[in-house]
All heavy atoms as atom14 arrays in JSON, in Angstrom:
{
  "sequence": "TQIGTSLVNNGKILDAKIISAELSNPDVEAGRTDLRLTIDGSTVFS",
  "atom14_mask": [
    [1, 1, 1, 1, 1, 1, 1, 0, 0, 0, 0, 0, 0, 0],
    [1, 1, 1, 1, 1, 1, 1, 1, 1, 0, 0, 0, 0, 0],
    [1, 1, 1, 1, 1, 1, 1, 1, 0, 0, 0, 0, 0, 0],
    [1, 1, 1, 1, 0, 0, 0, 0, 0, 0, 0, 0, 0, 0],
    [1, 1, 1, 1, 1, 1, 1, 0, 0, 0, 0, 0, 0, 0],
    [1, 1, 1, 1, 1, 1, 0, 0, 0, 0, 0, 0, 0, 0],
    [1, 1, 1, 1, 1, 1, 1, 1, 0, 0, 0, 0, 0, 0],
    [1, 1, 1, 1, 1, 1, 1, 0, 0, 0, 0, 0, 0, 0],
    [1, 1, 1, 1, 1, 1, 1, 1, 0, 0, 0, 0, 0, 0],
    [1, 1, 1, 1, 1, 1, 1, 1, 0, 0, 0, 0, 0, 0],
    [1, 1, 1, 1, 0, 0, 0, 0, 0, 0, 0, 0, 0, 0],
    [1, 1, 1, 1, 1, 1, 1, 1, 1, 0, 0, 0, 0, 0],
    [1, 1, 1, 1, 1, 1, 1, 1, 0, 0, 0, 0, 0, 0],
    [1, 1, 1, 1, 1, 1, 1, 1, 0, 0, 0, 0, 0, 0],
    [1, 1, 1, 1, 1, 1, 1, 1, 0, 0, 0, 0, 0, 0],
    [1, 1, 1, 1, 1, 0, 0, 0, 0, 0, 0, 0, 0, 0],
    [1, 1, 1, 1, 1, 1, 1, 1, 1, 0, 0, 0, 0, 0],
    [1, 1, 1, 1, 1, 1, 1, 1, 0, 0, 0, 0, 0, 0],
    [1, 1, 1, 1, 1, 1, 1, 1, 0, 0, 0, 0, 0, 0],
    [1, 1, 1, 1, 1, 1, 0, 0, 0, 0, 0, 0, 0, 0],
    [1, 1, 1, 1, 1, 0, 0, 0, 0, 0, 0, 0, 0, 0],
    [1, 1, 1, 1, 1, 1, 1, 1, 1, 0, 0, 0, 0, 0],
    [1, 1, 1, 1, 1, 1, 1, 1, 0, 0, 0, 0, 0, 0],
    [1, 1, 1, 1, 1, 1, 0, 0, 0, 0, 0, 0, 0, 0],
    [1, 1, 1, 1, 1, 1, 1, 1, 0, 0, 0, 0, 0, 0],
    [1, 1, 1, 1, 1, 1, 1, 0, 0, 0, 0, 0, 0, 0],
    [1, 1, 1, 1, 1, 1, 1, 1, 0, 0, 0, 0, 0, 0],
    [1, 1, 1, 1, 1, 1, 1, 0, 0, 0, 0, 0, 0, 0],
    [1, 1, 1, 1, 1, 1, 1, 1, 1, 0, 0, 0, 0, 0],
    [1, 1, 1, 1, 1, 0, 0, 0, 0, 0, 0, 0, 0, 0],
    [1, 1, 1, 1, 0, 0, 0, 0, 0, 0, 0, 0, 0, 0],
    [1, 1, 1, 1, 1, 1, 1, 1, 1, 1, 1, 0, 0, 0],
    [1, 1, 1, 1, 1, 1, 1, 0, 0, 0, 0, 0, 0, 0],
    [1, 1, 1, 1, 1, 1, 1, 1, 0, 0, 0, 0, 0, 0],
    [1, 1, 1, 1, 1, 1, 1, 1, 0, 0, 0, 0, 0, 0],
    [1, 1, 1, 1, 1, 1, 1, 1, 1, 1, 1, 0, 0, 0],
    [1, 1, 1, 1, 1, 1, 1, 1, 0, 0, 0, 0, 0, 0],
    [1, 1, 1, 1, 1, 1, 1, 0, 0, 0, 0, 0, 0, 0],
    [1, 1, 1, 1, 1, 1, 1, 1, 0, 0, 0, 0, 0, 0],
    [1, 1, 1, 1, 1, 1, 1, 1, 0, 0, 0, 0, 0, 0],
    [1, 1, 1, 1, 0, 0, 0, 0, 0, 0, 0, 0, 0, 0],
    [1, 1, 1, 1, 1, 1, 0, 0, 0, 0, 0, 0, 0, 0],
    [1, 1, 1, 1, 1, 1, 1, 0, 0, 0, 0, 0, 0, 0],
    [1, 1, 1, 1, 1, 1, 1, 0, 0, 0, 0, 0, 0, 0],
    [1, 1, 1, 1, 1, 1, 1, 1, 1, 1, 1, 0, 0, 0],
    [1, 1, 1, 1, 1, 1, 0, 0, 0, 0, 0, 0, 0, 0]
  ],
  "atom14_positions": [
    [[-4.2, 44.55, -76.9], [-3.84, 44.62, -78.27], [-5.04, 44.9, -79.16], [-4.94, 45.08, -80.28], [-3.06, 43.28, -78.68], [-4.09, 42.28, -78.63], [-1.94, 42.99, -77.86], [0.0, 0.0, 0.0], [0.0, 0.0, 0.0], [0.0, 0.0, 0.0], [0.0, 0.0, 0.0], [0.0, 0.0, 0.0], [0.0, 0.0, 0.0], [0.0, 0.0, 0.0]],
    [[-6.35, 44.79, -78.54], [-7.5, 44.9, -79.31], [-7.93, 46.4, -79.37], [-8.96, 46.63, -79.86], [-8.52, 44.07, -78.76], [-8.27, 42.61, -78.66], [-8.12, 41.98, -80.12], [-9.17, 41.98, -80.84], [-6.94, 41.6, -80.64], [0.0, 0.0, 0.0], [0.0, 0.0, 0.0], [0.0, 0.0, 0.0], [0.0, 0.0, 0.0], [0.0, 0.0, 0.0]],
    [[-7.19, 47.35, -78.9], [-7.66, 48.71, -78.99], [-7.74, 49.08, -80.39], [-6.79, 48.85, -81.17], [-6.66, 49.55, -78.15], [-6.71, 49.32, -76.64], [-6.92, 51.16, -78.41], [-5.7, 49.93, -75.86], [0.0, 0.0, 0.0], [0.0, 0.0, 0.0], [0.0, 0.0, 0.0], [0.0, 0.0, 0.0], [0.0, 0.0, 0.0], [0.0, 0.0, 0.0]],
    [[-8.9, 49.71, -80.72], [-9.11, 50.19, -82.12], [-9.9, 49.11, -83.0], [-10.24, 49.3, -84.0], [0.0, 0.0, 0.0], [0.0, 0.0, 0.0], [0.0, 0.0, 0.0], [0.0, 0.0, 0.0], [0.0, 0.0, 0.0], [0.0, 0.0, 0.0], [0.0, 0.0, 0.0], [0.0, 0.0, 0.0], [0.0, 0.0, 0.0], [0.0, 0.0, 0.0]],
    [[-10.07, 47.89, -82.3], [-10.73, 46.77, -83.05], [-12.24, 46.88, -82.82], [-12.76, 47.27, -81.83], [-10.22, 45.44, -82.5], [-8.84, 45.42, -82.46], [-10.89, 44.38, -83.16], [0.0, 0.0, 0.0], [0.0, 0.0, 0.0], [0.0, 0.0, 0.0], [0.0, 0.0, 0.0], [0.0, 0.0, 0.0], [0.0, 0.0, 0.0], [0.0, 0.0, 0.0]],
    [[-13.0, 46.58, -83.86], [-14.47, 46.73, -83.91], [-15.06, 45.49, -83.18], [-14.44, 44.38, -83.27], [-15.04, 46.79, -85.27], [-14.64, 48.0, -85.87], [0.0, 0.0, 0.0], [0.0, 0.0, 0.0], [0.0, 0.0, 0.0], [0.0, 0.0, 0.0], [0.0, 0.0, 0.0], [0.0, 0.0, 0.0], [0.0, 0.0, 0.0], [0.0, 0.0, 0.0]],
    [[-16.08, 45.65, -82.44], [-16.9, 44.62, -81.99], [-17.71, 43.92, -82.86], [-17.97, 44.37, -83.95], [-17.85, 45.16, -80.72], [-17.17, 46.0, -79.57], [-18.22, 46.36, -78.59], [-16.15, 45.19, -78.91], [0.0, 0.0, 0.0], [0.0, 0.0, 0.0], [0.0, 0.0, 0.0], [0.0, 0.0, 0.0], [0.0, 0.0, 0.0], [0.0, 0.0, 0.0]],
    [[-17.88, 42.58, -82.61], [-18.86, 41.81, -83.53], [-19.96, 41.26, -82.67], [-19.87, 41.07, -81.51], [-17.98, 40.57, -84.16], [-16.96, 41.19, -85.18], [-17.44, 39.65, -83.19], [0.0, 0.0, 0.0], [0.0, 0.0, 0.0], [0.0, 0.0, 0.0], [0.0, 0.0, 0.0], [0.0, 0.0, 0.0], [0.0, 0.0, 0.0], [0.0, 0.0, 0.0]],
    [[-21.09, 40.95, -83.38], [-22.17, 40.36, -82.68], [-23.04, 39.65, -83.77], [-23.29, 40.08, -84.72], [-23.06, 41.4, -82.04], [-24.2, 40.95, -81.38], [-25.31, 40.77, -81.88], [-24.05, 40.66, -79.99], [0.0, 0.0, 0.0], [0.0, 0.0, 0.0], [0.0, 0.0, 0.0], [0.0, 0.0, 0.0], [0.0, 0.0, 0.0], [0.0, 0.0, 0.0]],
    [[-23.24, 38.4, -83.47], [-24.02, 37.46, -84.48], [-23.39, 37.45, -85.91], [-23.94, 37.5, -86.87], [-25.46, 37.98, -84.63], [-26.3, 37.74, -83.39], [-25.94, 36.76, -82.57], [-27.22, 38.59, -83.13], [0.0, 0.0, 0.0], [0.0, 0.0, 0.0], [0.0, 0.0, 0.0], [0.0, 0.0, 0.0], [0.0, 0.0, 0.0], [0.0, 0.0, 0.0]],
    [[-21.99, 37.49, -85.77], [-21.27, 37.39, -87.09], [-21.16, 38.74, -87.81], [-20.65, 38.73, -88.99], [0.0, 0.0, 0.0], [0.0, 0.0, 0.0], [0.0, 0.0, 0.0], [0.0, 0.0, 0.0], [0.0, 0.0, 0.0], [0.0, 0.0, 0.0], [0.0, 0.0, 0.0], [0.0, 0.0, 0.0], [0.0, 0.0, 0.0], [0.0, 0.0, 0.0]],
    [[-21.58, 39.83, -87.28], [-21.57, 41.05, -88.03], [-20.75, 42.07, -87.3], [-20.71, 42.05, -85.99], [-23.11, 41.72, -88.01], [-23.99, 40.86, -88.84], [-25.29, 41.5, -88.83], [-26.34, 40.54, -89.61], [-27.68, 41.0, -89.54], [0.0, 0.0, 0.0], [0.0, 0.0, 0.0], [0.0, 0.0, 0.0], [0.0, 0.0, 0.0], [0.0, 0.0, 0.0]],
    [[-19.96, 42.94, -87.97], [-19.18, 43.98, -87.42], [-20.13, 45.05, -86.94], [-20.94, 45.46, -87.74], [-18.08, 44.4, -88.48], [-17.27, 43.23, -88.77], [-17.31, 45.62, -87.79], [-16.15, 43.57, -89.72], [0.0, 0.0, 0.0], [0.0, 0.0, 0.0], [0.0, 0.0, 0.0], [0.0, 0.0, 0.0], [0.0, 0.0, 0.0], [0.0, 0.0, 0.0]],
    [[-19.98, 45.47, -85.7], [-20.73, 46.57, -85.18], [-20.1, 47.95, -85.35], [-18.88, 47.91, -85.51], [-20.97, 46.29, -83.67], [-21.7, 45.03, -83.31], [-21.79, 44.91, -81.82], [-23.02, 44.99, -83.99], [0.0, 0.0, 0.0], [0.0, 0.0, 0.0], [0.0, 0.0, 0.0], [0.0, 0.0, 0.0], [0.0, 0.0, 0.0], [0.0, 0.0, 0.0]],
    [[-20.84, 48.98, -85.25], [-20.3, 50.35, -85.22], [-19.83, 50.65, -83.75], [-20.45, 51.53, -83.14], [-21.29, 51.31, -85.69], [-20.79, 52.7, -85.9], [-19.53, 52.88, -85.83], [-21.54, 53.65, -85.93], [0.0, 0.0, 0.0], [0.0, 0.0, 0.0], [0.0, 0.0, 0.0], [0.0, 0.0, 0.0], [0.0, 0.0, 0.0], [0.0, 0.0, 0.0]],
    [[-18.88, 49.99, -83.21], [-18.42, 50.09, -81.82], [-17.04, 49.59, -81.75], [-16.69, 48.58, -82.36], [-19.35, 49.33, -80.88], [0.0, 0.0, 0.0], [0.0, 0.0, 0.0], [0.0, 0.0, 0.0], [0.0, 0.0, 0.0], [0.0, 0.0, 0.0], [0.0, 0.0, 0.0], [0.0, 0.0, 0.0], [0.0, 0.0, 0.0], [0.0, 0.0, 0.0]],
    [[-16.05, 50.32, -81.17], [-14.71, 49.92, -81.02], [-14.17, 50.07, -79.64], [-14.56, 51.0, -78.87], [-13.89, 50.88, -81.96], [-14.03, 50.65, -83.41], [-13.15, 51.45, -84.26], [-13.41, 51.17, -85.69], [-12.43, 51.73, -86.62], [0.0, 0.0, 0.0], [0.0, 0.0, 0.0], [0.0, 0.0, 0.0], [0.0, 0.0, 0.0], [0.0, 0.0, 0.0]],
    [[-13.21, 49.17, -79.29], [-12.59, 49.34, -78.01], [-11.63, 50.52, -78.14], [-10.7, 50.47, -79.14], [-11.82, 47.95, -77.69], [-12.77, 46.84, -77.49], [-10.98, 48.21, -76.36], [-12.13, 45.5, -77.52], [0.0, 0.0, 0.0], [0.0, 0.0, 0.0], [0.0, 0.0, 0.0], [0.0, 0.0, 0.0], [0.0, 0.0, 0.0], [0.0, 0.0, 0.0]],
    [[-11.73, 51.49, -77.24], [-10.76, 52.57, -77.39], [-9.77, 52.6, -76.17], [-8.7, 53.37, -76.3], [-11.49, 53.91, -77.27], [-12.41, 54.13, -76.09], [-12.45, 54.03, -78.63], [-12.94, 55.5, -75.97], [0.0, 0.0, 0.0], [0.0, 0.0, 0.0], [0.0, 0.0, 0.0], [0.0, 0.0, 0.0], [0.0, 0.0, 0.0], [0.0, 0.0, 0.0]],
    [[-10.02, 51.81, -75.14], [-9.06, 51.69, -74.1], [-9.07, 50.37, -73.3], [-10.33, 49.94, -73.25], [-8.95, 52.85, -73.21], [-10.03, 52.8, -72.27], [0.0, 0.0, 0.0], [0.0, 0.0, 0.0], [0.0, 0.0, 0.0], [0.0, 0.0, 0.0], [0.0, 0.0, 0.0], [0.0, 0.0, 0.0], [0.0, 0.0, 0.0], [0.0, 0.0, 0.0]],
    [[-8.02, 49.94, -72.72], [-8.04, 48.71, -71.89], [-7.04, 49.04, -70.71], [-5.86, 49.29, -71.04], [-7.61, 47.48, -72.66], [0.0, 0.0, 0.0], [0.0, 0.0, 0.0], [0.0, 0.0, 0.0], [0.0, 0.0, 0.0], [0.0, 0.0, 0.0], [0.0, 0.0, 0.0], [0.0, 0.0, 0.0], [0.0, 0.0, 0.0], [0.0, 0.0, 0.0]],
    [[-7.55, 49.0, -69.51], [-6.77, 49.22, -68.35], [-6.72, 48.09, -67.37], [-7.82, 47.54, -67.06], [-7.3, 50.59, -67.58], [-7.26, 51.77, -68.43], [-8.08, 52.85, -67.67], [-8.28, 52.81, -66.47], [-8.5, 53.76, -68.46], [0.0, 0.0, 0.0], [0.0, 0.0, 0.0], [0.0, 0.0, 0.0], [0.0, 0.0, 0.0], [0.0, 0.0, 0.0]],
    [[-5.66, 47.68, -66.91], [-5.49, 46.64, -66.01], [-5.38, 47.16, -64.54], [-4.8, 48.22, -64.44], [-4.18, 45.78, -66.16], [-4.0, 45.12, -67.67], [-2.6, 44.47, -67.83], [-5.09, 44.26, -68.03], [0.0, 0.0, 0.0], [0.0, 0.0, 0.0], [0.0, 0.0, 0.0], [0.0, 0.0, 0.0], [0.0, 0.0, 0.0], [0.0, 0.0, 0.0]],
    [[-6.03, 46.45, -63.65], [-5.97, 46.92, -62.23], [-6.15, 45.76, -61.33], [-6.51, 44.68, -61.71], [-7.1, 47.87, -62.0], [-8.29, 47.38, -62.1], [0.0, 0.0, 0.0], [0.0, 0.0, 0.0], [0.0, 0.0, 0.0], [0.0, 0.0, 0.0], [0.0, 0.0, 0.0], [0.0, 0.0, 0.0], [0.0, 0.0, 0.0], [0.0, 0.0, 0.0]],
    [[-5.7, 45.9, -60.03], [-5.8, 44.9, -59.02], [-5.16, 43.62, -59.4], [-5.85, 42.54, -59.41], [-7.36, 44.66, -58.6], [-7.99, 45.89, -58.09], [-7.32, 46.69, -57.47], [-9.26, 46.09, -58.35], [0.0, 0.0, 0.0], [0.0, 0.0, 0.0], [0.0, 0.0, 0.0], [0.0, 0.0, 0.0], [0.0, 0.0, 0.0], [0.0, 0.0, 0.0]],
    [[-3.91, 43.52, -59.8], [-3.33, 42.3, -60.24], [-3.12, 41.32, -59.03], [-2.77, 41.77, -57.95], [-2.02, 42.67, -60.87], [-1.71, 43.97, -60.27], [-2.94, 44.62, -60.03], [0.0, 0.0, 0.0], [0.0, 0.0, 0.0], [0.0, 0.0, 0.0], [0.0, 0.0, 0.0], [0.0, 0.0, 0.0], [0.0, 0.0, 0.0], [0.0, 0.0, 0.0]],
    [[-3.46, 40.13, -59.2], [-3.21, 39.16, -58.25], [-2.25, 38.16, -58.92], [-2.46, 37.25, -59.69], [-4.53, 38.28, -58.01], [-4.41, 37.26, -56.9], [-3.15, 36.9, -56.51], [-5.33, 36.66, -56.52], [0.0, 0.0, 0.0], [0.0, 0.0, 0.0], [0.0, 0.0, 0.0], [0.0, 0.0, 0.0], [0.0, 0.0, 0.0], [0.0, 0.0, 0.0]],
    [[-0.96, 38.53, -58.58], [0.26, 37.82, -59.15], [0.23, 36.29, -58.94], [0.53, 35.51, -59.86], [1.51, 38.42, -58.75], [2.79, 37.72, -59.36], [1.65, 39.9, -59.02], [0.0, 0.0, 0.0], [0.0, 0.0, 0.0], [0.0, 0.0, 0.0], [0.0, 0.0, 0.0], [0.0, 0.0, 0.0], [0.0, 0.0, 0.0], [0.0, 0.0, 0.0]],
    [[-0.12, 35.97, -57.69], [-0.04, 34.5, -57.3], [-1.14, 33.71, -58.1], [-0.85, 32.66, -58.56], [-0.37, 34.34, -55.84], [0.72, 34.84, -54.95], [0.43, 34.64, -53.5], [-0.51, 33.91, -53.15], [1.1, 35.3, -52.72], [0.0, 0.0, 0.0], [0.0, 0.0, 0.0], [0.0, 0.0, 0.0], [0.0, 0.0, 0.0], [0.0, 0.0, 0.0]],
    [[-2.37, 34.29, -58.29], [-3.35, 33.61, -59.05], [-3.29, 33.84, -60.57], [-4.04, 33.19, -61.31], [-4.78, 34.13, -58.59], [0.0, 0.0, 0.0], [0.0, 0.0, 0.0], [0.0, 0.0, 0.0], [0.0, 0.0, 0.0], [0.0, 0.0, 0.0], [0.0, 0.0, 0.0], [0.0, 0.0, 0.0], [0.0, 0.0, 0.0], [0.0, 0.0, 0.0]],
    [[-2.43, 34.79, -60.9], [-2.4, 35.16, -62.4], [-3.51, 35.74, -62.95], [-3.8, 35.52, -64.11], [0.0, 0.0, 0.0], [0.0, 0.0, 0.0], [0.0, 0.0, 0.0], [0.0, 0.0, 0.0], [0.0, 0.0, 0.0], [0.0, 0.0, 0.0], [0.0, 0.0, 0.0], [0.0, 0.0, 0.0], [0.0, 0.0, 0.0], [0.0, 0.0, 0.0]],
    [[-4.27, 36.55, -62.11], [-5.49, 37.24, -62.62], [-5.46, 38.65, -62.25], [-4.65, 39.08, -61.45], [-6.6, 36.61, -61.89], [-6.89, 35.2, -62.24], [-8.21, 34.65, -61.68], [-8.59, 33.27, -62.24], [-9.12, 33.18, -63.35], [-9.4, 34.15, -64.16], [-9.4, 31.81, -63.72], [0.0, 0.0, 0.0], [0.0, 0.0, 0.0], [0.0, 0.0, 0.0]],
    [[-6.22, 39.42, -63.05], [-6.34, 40.84, -62.99], [-7.72, 41.39, -63.31], [-8.57, 40.55, -63.87], [-5.21, 41.56, -63.8], [-5.24, 42.96, -63.52], [-5.42, 41.33, -65.24], [0.0, 0.0, 0.0], [0.0, 0.0, 0.0], [0.0, 0.0, 0.0], [0.0, 0.0, 0.0], [0.0, 0.0, 0.0], [0.0, 0.0, 0.0], [0.0, 0.0, 0.0]],
    [[-8.06, 42.56, -62.92], [-9.32, 43.15, -63.49], [-8.93, 43.99, -64.69], [-7.86, 44.49, -64.83], [-9.9, 44.03, -62.45], [-10.39, 43.33, -61.19], [-10.55, 42.06, -61.26], [-10.66, 43.91, -60.05], [0.0, 0.0, 0.0], [0.0, 0.0, 0.0], [0.0, 0.0, 0.0], [0.0, 0.0, 0.0], [0.0, 0.0, 0.0], [0.0, 0.0, 0.0]],
    [[-9.95, 43.98, -65.54], [-9.71, 44.68, -66.79], [-10.97, 45.66, -67.02], [-12.04, 45.27, -66.88], [-9.7, 43.62, -67.96], [-9.6, 44.11, -69.31], [-8.28, 44.93, -69.62], [-9.65, 42.97, -70.35], [0.0, 0.0, 0.0], [0.0, 0.0, 0.0], [0.0, 0.0, 0.0], [0.0, 0.0, 0.0], [0.0, 0.0, 0.0], [0.0, 0.0, 0.0]],
    [[-10.54, 46.87, -67.34], [-11.61, 47.93, -67.59], [-11.58, 48.24, -69.11], [-10.43, 48.86, -69.54], [-11.37, 49.04, -66.68], [-12.58, 50.1, -66.71], [-12.37, 51.13, -65.66], [-12.16, 50.62, -64.35], [-13.15, 50.38, -63.52], [-14.45, 50.45, -63.91], [-13.01, 49.86, -62.32], [0.0, 0.0, 0.0], [0.0, 0.0, 0.0], [0.0, 0.0, 0.0]],
    [[-12.49, 47.97, -69.92], [-12.51, 48.21, -71.33], [-13.53, 49.36, -71.52], [-14.67, 49.38, -71.09], [-12.93, 47.05, -72.15], [-12.18, 45.75, -72.01], [-12.79, 44.59, -72.66], [-10.77, 46.08, -72.66], [0.0, 0.0, 0.0], [0.0, 0.0, 0.0], [0.0, 0.0, 0.0], [0.0, 0.0, 0.0], [0.0, 0.0, 0.0], [0.0, 0.0, 0.0]],
    [[-13.03, 50.43, -72.3], [-13.86, 51.51, -72.77], [-14.11, 51.38, -74.28], [-13.32, 51.12, -75.05], [-13.18, 52.82, -72.48], [-12.86, 52.83, -71.11], [-14.1, 53.99, -72.7], [0.0, 0.0, 0.0], [0.0, 0.0, 0.0], [0.0, 0.0, 0.0], [0.0, 0.0, 0.0], [0.0, 0.0, 0.0], [0.0, 0.0, 0.0], [0.0, 0.0, 0.0]],
    [[-15.47, 51.5, -74.47], [-15.87, 51.27, -75.88], [-16.6, 52.52, -76.46], [-17.49, 53.12, -75.76], [-16.92, 50.06, -75.84], [-16.14, 48.83, -75.4], [-17.44, 49.8, -77.3], [-16.86, 47.61, -75.16], [0.0, 0.0, 0.0], [0.0, 0.0, 0.0], [0.0, 0.0, 0.0], [0.0, 0.0, 0.0], [0.0, 0.0, 0.0], [0.0, 0.0, 0.0]],
    [[-16.36, 52.98, -77.45], [-17.03, 54.04, -78.35], [-17.82, 53.34, -79.41], [-17.35, 52.46, -80.09], [-16.13, 54.96, -78.95], [-15.92, 56.27, -78.17], [-16.62, 56.45, -77.25], [-15.01, 56.99, -78.57], [0.0, 0.0, 0.0], [0.0, 0.0, 0.0], [0.0, 0.0, 0.0], [0.0, 0.0, 0.0], [0.0, 0.0, 0.0], [0.0, 0.0, 0.0]],
    [[-19.08, 53.85, -79.69], [-19.89, 53.22, -80.7], [-21.14, 54.03, -80.93], [-21.24, 55.21, -80.49], [0.0, 0.0, 0.0], [0.0, 0.0, 0.0], [0.0, 0.0, 0.0], [0.0, 0.0, 0.0], [0.0, 0.0, 0.0], [0.0, 0.0, 0.0], [0.0, 0.0, 0.0], [0.0, 0.0, 0.0], [0.0, 0.0, 0.0], [0.0, 0.0, 0.0]],
    [[-22.03, 53.39, -81.58], [-23.39, 53.94, -81.99], [-24.48, 53.06, -81.39], [-24.29, 51.8, -81.46], [-23.54, 53.95, -83.37], [-24.76, 54.5, -83.84], [0.0, 0.0, 0.0], [0.0, 0.0, 0.0], [0.0, 0.0, 0.0], [0.0, 0.0, 0.0], [0.0, 0.0, 0.0], [0.0, 0.0, 0.0], [0.0, 0.0, 0.0], [0.0, 0.0, 0.0]],
    [[-25.39, 53.68, -80.6], [-26.38, 52.95, -79.96], [-27.74, 53.26, -80.56], [-27.93, 54.33, -81.02], [-26.43, 53.18, -78.44], [-27.47, 52.37, -77.9], [-26.68, 54.62, -78.07], [0.0, 0.0, 0.0], [0.0, 0.0, 0.0], [0.0, 0.0, 0.0], [0.0, 0.0, 0.0], [0.0, 0.0, 0.0], [0.0, 0.0, 0.0], [0.0, 0.0, 0.0]],
    [[-28.67, 52.28, -80.45], [-29.99, 52.54, -80.99], [-30.96, 52.46, -79.73], [-30.88, 51.64, -78.94], [-30.46, 51.37, -81.95], [-31.94, 51.51, -82.34], [-29.59, 51.49, -83.25], [0.0, 0.0, 0.0], [0.0, 0.0, 0.0], [0.0, 0.0, 0.0], [0.0, 0.0, 0.0], [0.0, 0.0, 0.0], [0.0, 0.0, 0.0], [0.0, 0.0, 0.0]],
    [[-31.85, 53.42, -79.66], [-32.83, 53.39, -78.71], [-34.17, 52.8, -79.15], [-34.82, 53.26, -80.05], [-33.13, 54.79, -78.14], [-33.93, 54.9, -76.92], [-33.46, 54.57, -75.73], [-35.31, 55.3, -76.94], [-34.18, 54.61, -74.55], [-36.1, 55.33, -75.8], [-35.5, 54.92, -74.58], [0.0, 0.0, 0.0], [0.0, 0.0, 0.0], [0.0, 0.0, 0.0]],
    [[-34.42, 51.55, -78.64], [-35.6, 50.69, -79.1], [-36.13, 50.03, -77.96], [-35.45, 49.35, -77.14], [-34.98, 49.74, -80.07], [-35.95, 48.9, -80.57], [0.0, 0.0, 0.0], [0.0, 0.0, 0.0], [0.0, 0.0, 0.0], [0.0, 0.0, 0.0], [0.0, 0.0, 0.0], [0.0, 0.0, 0.0], [0.0, 0.0, 0.0], [0.0, 0.0, 0.0]]
  ]
}
């Protein structure tokens, strides 16, 4: 449900958003799964 939501860091909104979230390898008995999040944003080289 967070697709399109901006990331935050130290209380500040970043120029980065979650653009996709994919579930894989569900373990039904344990109620766990792997999650792959893809993020688009702006990076600084420092």
